[in-house]
N, C-alpha and C. Protein backbone atom coordinates (compact mmCIF):
# COMPACT_ATOMS: atom_id res chain seq x y z
N MET A 1 71.98 -25.76 -30.06
CA MET A 1 73.28 -24.91 -30.09
C MET A 1 73.03 -23.87 -28.88
N ASN A 2 74.04 -23.32 -28.37
CA ASN A 2 74.00 -22.20 -27.42
C ASN A 2 73.75 -20.92 -28.16
N LYS A 3 73.03 -20.10 -27.48
CA LYS A 3 72.68 -18.80 -27.98
C LYS A 3 73.82 -17.82 -27.58
N PRO A 4 74.03 -16.82 -28.33
CA PRO A 4 75.04 -15.90 -28.08
C PRO A 4 74.78 -15.12 -26.72
N ALA A 5 75.73 -14.75 -26.01
CA ALA A 5 75.49 -14.00 -24.69
C ALA A 5 74.68 -12.83 -24.98
N GLY A 6 73.65 -12.61 -24.14
CA GLY A 6 72.81 -11.39 -24.12
C GLY A 6 71.70 -11.59 -25.08
N SER A 7 71.55 -12.58 -25.86
CA SER A 7 70.38 -12.73 -26.76
C SER A 7 69.10 -12.98 -26.05
N GLU A 8 69.10 -13.58 -24.92
CA GLU A 8 67.87 -13.81 -24.16
C GLU A 8 67.32 -12.36 -23.71
N GLY A 9 68.20 -11.51 -23.34
CA GLY A 9 67.69 -10.18 -22.91
C GLY A 9 67.14 -9.34 -24.03
N ARG A 10 67.77 -9.42 -25.18
CA ARG A 10 67.32 -8.77 -26.37
C ARG A 10 65.97 -9.30 -26.79
N GLU A 11 65.78 -10.66 -26.78
CA GLU A 11 64.46 -11.27 -27.00
C GLU A 11 63.34 -10.79 -26.09
N ALA A 12 63.75 -10.58 -24.77
CA ALA A 12 62.75 -10.17 -23.87
C ALA A 12 62.22 -8.82 -24.15
N VAL A 13 63.38 -7.99 -24.52
CA VAL A 13 62.90 -6.53 -24.77
C VAL A 13 61.90 -6.35 -25.89
N ARG A 14 62.11 -7.32 -26.90
CA ARG A 14 61.31 -7.29 -28.14
C ARG A 14 59.83 -7.81 -28.03
N ARG A 15 59.55 -8.33 -26.81
CA ARG A 15 58.15 -8.82 -26.60
C ARG A 15 57.13 -7.69 -26.68
N LYS A 16 56.05 -8.08 -27.16
CA LYS A 16 54.91 -7.12 -27.37
C LYS A 16 53.89 -7.40 -26.39
N GLY A 17 53.84 -6.67 -25.46
CA GLY A 17 52.60 -6.90 -24.46
C GLY A 17 51.99 -5.59 -24.37
N SER A 18 50.72 -5.48 -24.11
CA SER A 18 49.96 -4.36 -24.24
C SER A 18 50.28 -3.44 -22.88
N LEU A 19 50.06 -2.11 -23.01
CA LEU A 19 50.18 -1.30 -21.84
C LEU A 19 49.26 -1.58 -20.74
N TRP A 20 48.05 -1.89 -21.17
CA TRP A 20 47.04 -2.14 -20.18
C TRP A 20 47.42 -3.34 -19.20
N ARG A 21 47.87 -4.42 -20.03
CA ARG A 21 48.28 -5.66 -19.40
C ARG A 21 49.44 -5.46 -18.46
N THR A 22 50.39 -4.62 -18.86
CA THR A 22 51.45 -4.34 -18.10
C THR A 22 51.03 -3.59 -16.83
N VAL A 23 50.22 -2.61 -16.87
CA VAL A 23 49.65 -1.85 -15.70
C VAL A 23 48.92 -2.82 -14.77
N ARG A 24 48.14 -3.77 -15.31
CA ARG A 24 47.37 -4.71 -14.54
C ARG A 24 48.38 -5.59 -13.83
N ALA A 25 49.41 -6.02 -14.54
CA ALA A 25 50.38 -6.94 -13.85
C ALA A 25 51.02 -6.27 -12.64
N VAL A 26 51.39 -5.13 -12.94
CA VAL A 26 52.23 -4.28 -11.89
C VAL A 26 51.31 -3.95 -10.75
N GLY A 27 50.08 -3.46 -11.07
CA GLY A 27 49.04 -3.18 -10.03
C GLY A 27 48.70 -4.45 -9.22
N GLY A 28 48.60 -5.51 -9.83
CA GLY A 28 48.25 -6.90 -9.04
C GLY A 28 49.43 -7.19 -8.16
N SER A 29 50.54 -6.93 -8.69
CA SER A 29 51.87 -7.18 -7.86
C SER A 29 51.94 -6.30 -6.67
N PHE A 30 51.57 -5.02 -6.83
CA PHE A 30 51.66 -4.08 -5.68
C PHE A 30 50.78 -4.64 -4.58
N PHE A 31 49.60 -5.13 -4.96
CA PHE A 31 48.64 -5.63 -3.87
C PHE A 31 48.75 -6.94 -3.58
N GLY A 32 49.49 -7.75 -4.28
CA GLY A 32 49.86 -9.14 -4.01
C GLY A 32 48.70 -10.08 -4.37
N VAL A 33 47.96 -9.79 -5.31
CA VAL A 33 46.85 -10.53 -5.73
C VAL A 33 47.08 -10.97 -7.17
N ARG A 34 48.10 -11.93 -7.32
CA ARG A 34 48.50 -12.45 -8.54
C ARG A 34 48.35 -13.95 -8.61
N LYS A 35 47.72 -14.48 -9.74
CA LYS A 35 47.55 -15.81 -9.76
C LYS A 35 48.87 -16.42 -10.51
N ALA A 36 49.30 -17.69 -10.17
CA ALA A 36 50.42 -18.24 -10.69
C ALA A 36 50.42 -18.30 -12.16
N ARG A 37 49.32 -18.64 -12.70
CA ARG A 37 49.31 -18.75 -14.19
C ARG A 37 49.40 -17.43 -14.87
N ASP A 38 48.94 -16.35 -14.35
CA ASP A 38 49.02 -15.08 -14.83
C ASP A 38 50.58 -14.59 -14.71
N LEU A 39 51.11 -14.96 -13.61
CA LEU A 39 52.60 -14.56 -13.47
C LEU A 39 53.51 -15.29 -14.52
N GLU A 40 53.11 -16.50 -14.74
CA GLU A 40 53.88 -17.22 -15.74
C GLU A 40 53.71 -16.65 -17.19
N ARG A 41 52.34 -16.35 -17.46
CA ARG A 41 52.13 -15.77 -18.76
C ARG A 41 52.71 -14.43 -18.96
N ASP A 42 52.69 -13.70 -17.87
CA ASP A 42 53.24 -12.18 -17.94
C ASP A 42 54.78 -12.37 -18.16
N ALA A 43 55.33 -13.23 -17.36
CA ALA A 43 56.77 -13.38 -17.47
C ALA A 43 57.27 -13.78 -18.96
N SER A 44 56.46 -14.44 -19.64
CA SER A 44 56.82 -14.89 -21.02
C SER A 44 56.39 -13.96 -22.04
N GLU A 45 55.49 -13.15 -21.79
CA GLU A 45 54.90 -12.22 -22.87
C GLU A 45 55.10 -10.75 -22.74
N LEU A 46 55.32 -10.23 -21.41
CA LEU A 46 55.41 -8.86 -21.19
C LEU A 46 56.85 -8.40 -21.33
N ASN A 47 57.11 -7.16 -21.80
CA ASN A 47 58.36 -6.67 -22.03
C ASN A 47 58.90 -6.21 -20.76
N PRO A 48 60.02 -6.66 -20.21
CA PRO A 48 60.56 -6.38 -18.91
C PRO A 48 60.80 -4.86 -18.71
N LEU A 49 61.29 -4.23 -19.74
CA LEU A 49 61.57 -2.84 -19.71
C LEU A 49 60.24 -2.01 -19.46
N HIS A 50 59.22 -2.42 -19.99
CA HIS A 50 57.85 -1.82 -19.79
C HIS A 50 57.47 -2.05 -18.31
N VAL A 51 57.63 -3.26 -17.85
CA VAL A 51 57.19 -3.56 -16.47
C VAL A 51 58.02 -2.64 -15.55
N VAL A 52 59.24 -2.53 -15.68
CA VAL A 52 60.03 -1.69 -14.77
C VAL A 52 59.60 -0.26 -14.84
N ILE A 53 59.39 0.35 -16.04
CA ILE A 53 58.95 1.68 -16.11
C ILE A 53 57.61 1.94 -15.48
N VAL A 54 56.64 0.94 -15.75
CA VAL A 54 55.31 1.16 -15.17
C VAL A 54 55.47 0.99 -13.61
N GLY A 55 56.33 0.04 -13.14
CA GLY A 55 56.54 -0.01 -11.68
C GLY A 55 57.06 1.27 -11.04
N VAL A 56 58.05 1.81 -11.76
CA VAL A 56 58.64 3.05 -11.09
C VAL A 56 57.74 4.19 -11.06
N VAL A 57 56.90 4.27 -12.11
CA VAL A 57 55.95 5.47 -12.21
C VAL A 57 54.75 5.25 -11.13
N ALA A 58 54.40 3.91 -11.01
CA ALA A 58 53.36 3.56 -9.92
C ALA A 58 53.74 3.83 -8.53
N ALA A 59 55.07 3.56 -8.34
CA ALA A 59 55.69 3.71 -6.98
C ALA A 59 55.71 5.24 -6.74
N ALA A 60 56.14 6.00 -7.71
CA ALA A 60 56.27 7.39 -7.60
C ALA A 60 54.93 8.09 -7.39
N LEU A 61 53.76 7.58 -8.17
CA LEU A 61 52.47 8.09 -7.80
C LEU A 61 51.99 7.72 -6.45
N PHE A 62 52.38 6.57 -5.94
CA PHE A 62 52.00 6.14 -4.66
C PHE A 62 52.55 6.94 -3.55
N VAL A 63 53.87 7.38 -3.72
CA VAL A 63 54.52 8.19 -2.76
C VAL A 63 53.92 9.68 -2.77
N ILE A 64 53.67 10.07 -4.07
CA ILE A 64 53.07 11.50 -4.10
C ILE A 64 51.64 11.50 -3.47
N ALA A 65 50.86 10.41 -3.63
CA ALA A 65 49.60 10.46 -3.15
C ALA A 65 49.61 10.40 -1.57
N LEU A 66 50.63 9.66 -1.04
CA LEU A 66 50.84 9.71 0.41
C LEU A 66 51.22 11.01 0.90
N VAL A 67 52.13 11.70 0.21
CA VAL A 67 52.59 13.02 0.66
C VAL A 67 51.46 14.06 0.66
N VAL A 68 50.65 13.88 -0.35
CA VAL A 68 49.27 14.78 -0.41
C VAL A 68 48.37 14.51 0.56
N LEU A 69 48.15 13.21 0.92
CA LEU A 69 47.30 12.87 1.92
C LEU A 69 47.71 13.31 3.37
N VAL A 70 49.04 13.14 3.64
CA VAL A 70 49.52 13.63 5.02
C VAL A 70 49.46 15.08 5.12
N ASN A 71 49.80 15.72 3.98
CA ASN A 71 49.66 17.25 4.07
C ASN A 71 48.28 17.72 4.32
N TRP A 72 47.32 17.09 3.63
CA TRP A 72 45.98 17.44 3.70
C TRP A 72 45.51 17.24 5.21
N VAL A 73 45.82 16.08 5.77
CA VAL A 73 45.42 15.69 7.15
C VAL A 73 46.12 16.79 8.12
N ILE A 74 47.31 17.10 7.92
CA ILE A 74 47.97 18.00 8.76
C ILE A 74 47.31 19.38 8.61
N ALA A 75 47.02 19.79 7.48
CA ALA A 75 46.38 21.17 7.23
C ALA A 75 45.02 21.21 7.64
N SER A 76 44.29 20.12 7.74
CA SER A 76 42.98 20.11 8.15
C SER A 76 42.75 20.34 9.73
N GLY A 77 43.80 19.93 10.52
CA GLY A 77 43.75 20.19 11.88
C GLY A 77 43.28 18.90 12.58
N VAL A 78 43.06 17.89 11.93
CA VAL A 78 42.67 16.55 12.48
C VAL A 78 43.83 16.04 13.23
N ALA A 79 44.99 16.09 12.75
CA ALA A 79 46.15 15.49 13.44
C ALA A 79 46.62 16.18 14.67
N THR A 80 46.11 17.25 14.97
CA THR A 80 46.67 18.05 16.12
C THR A 80 45.96 17.70 17.42
């Protein structure tokens, strides 16, 4: 039978994946070093909401690190 509309989304949010696995999955995706079988496993076991949250936090940390690095290089006088 057909599932009610939206039930797949609710089932996905109820998935229990560890925080460490989510961080590893997002980190591997950032650098492009993911195996196909890991991608399939993560897609079926990780909570998509957690993946989005970890991805946004990781992207924000990356941008902050770049800003700090650029400010440090400019302040050190190497870039002049």
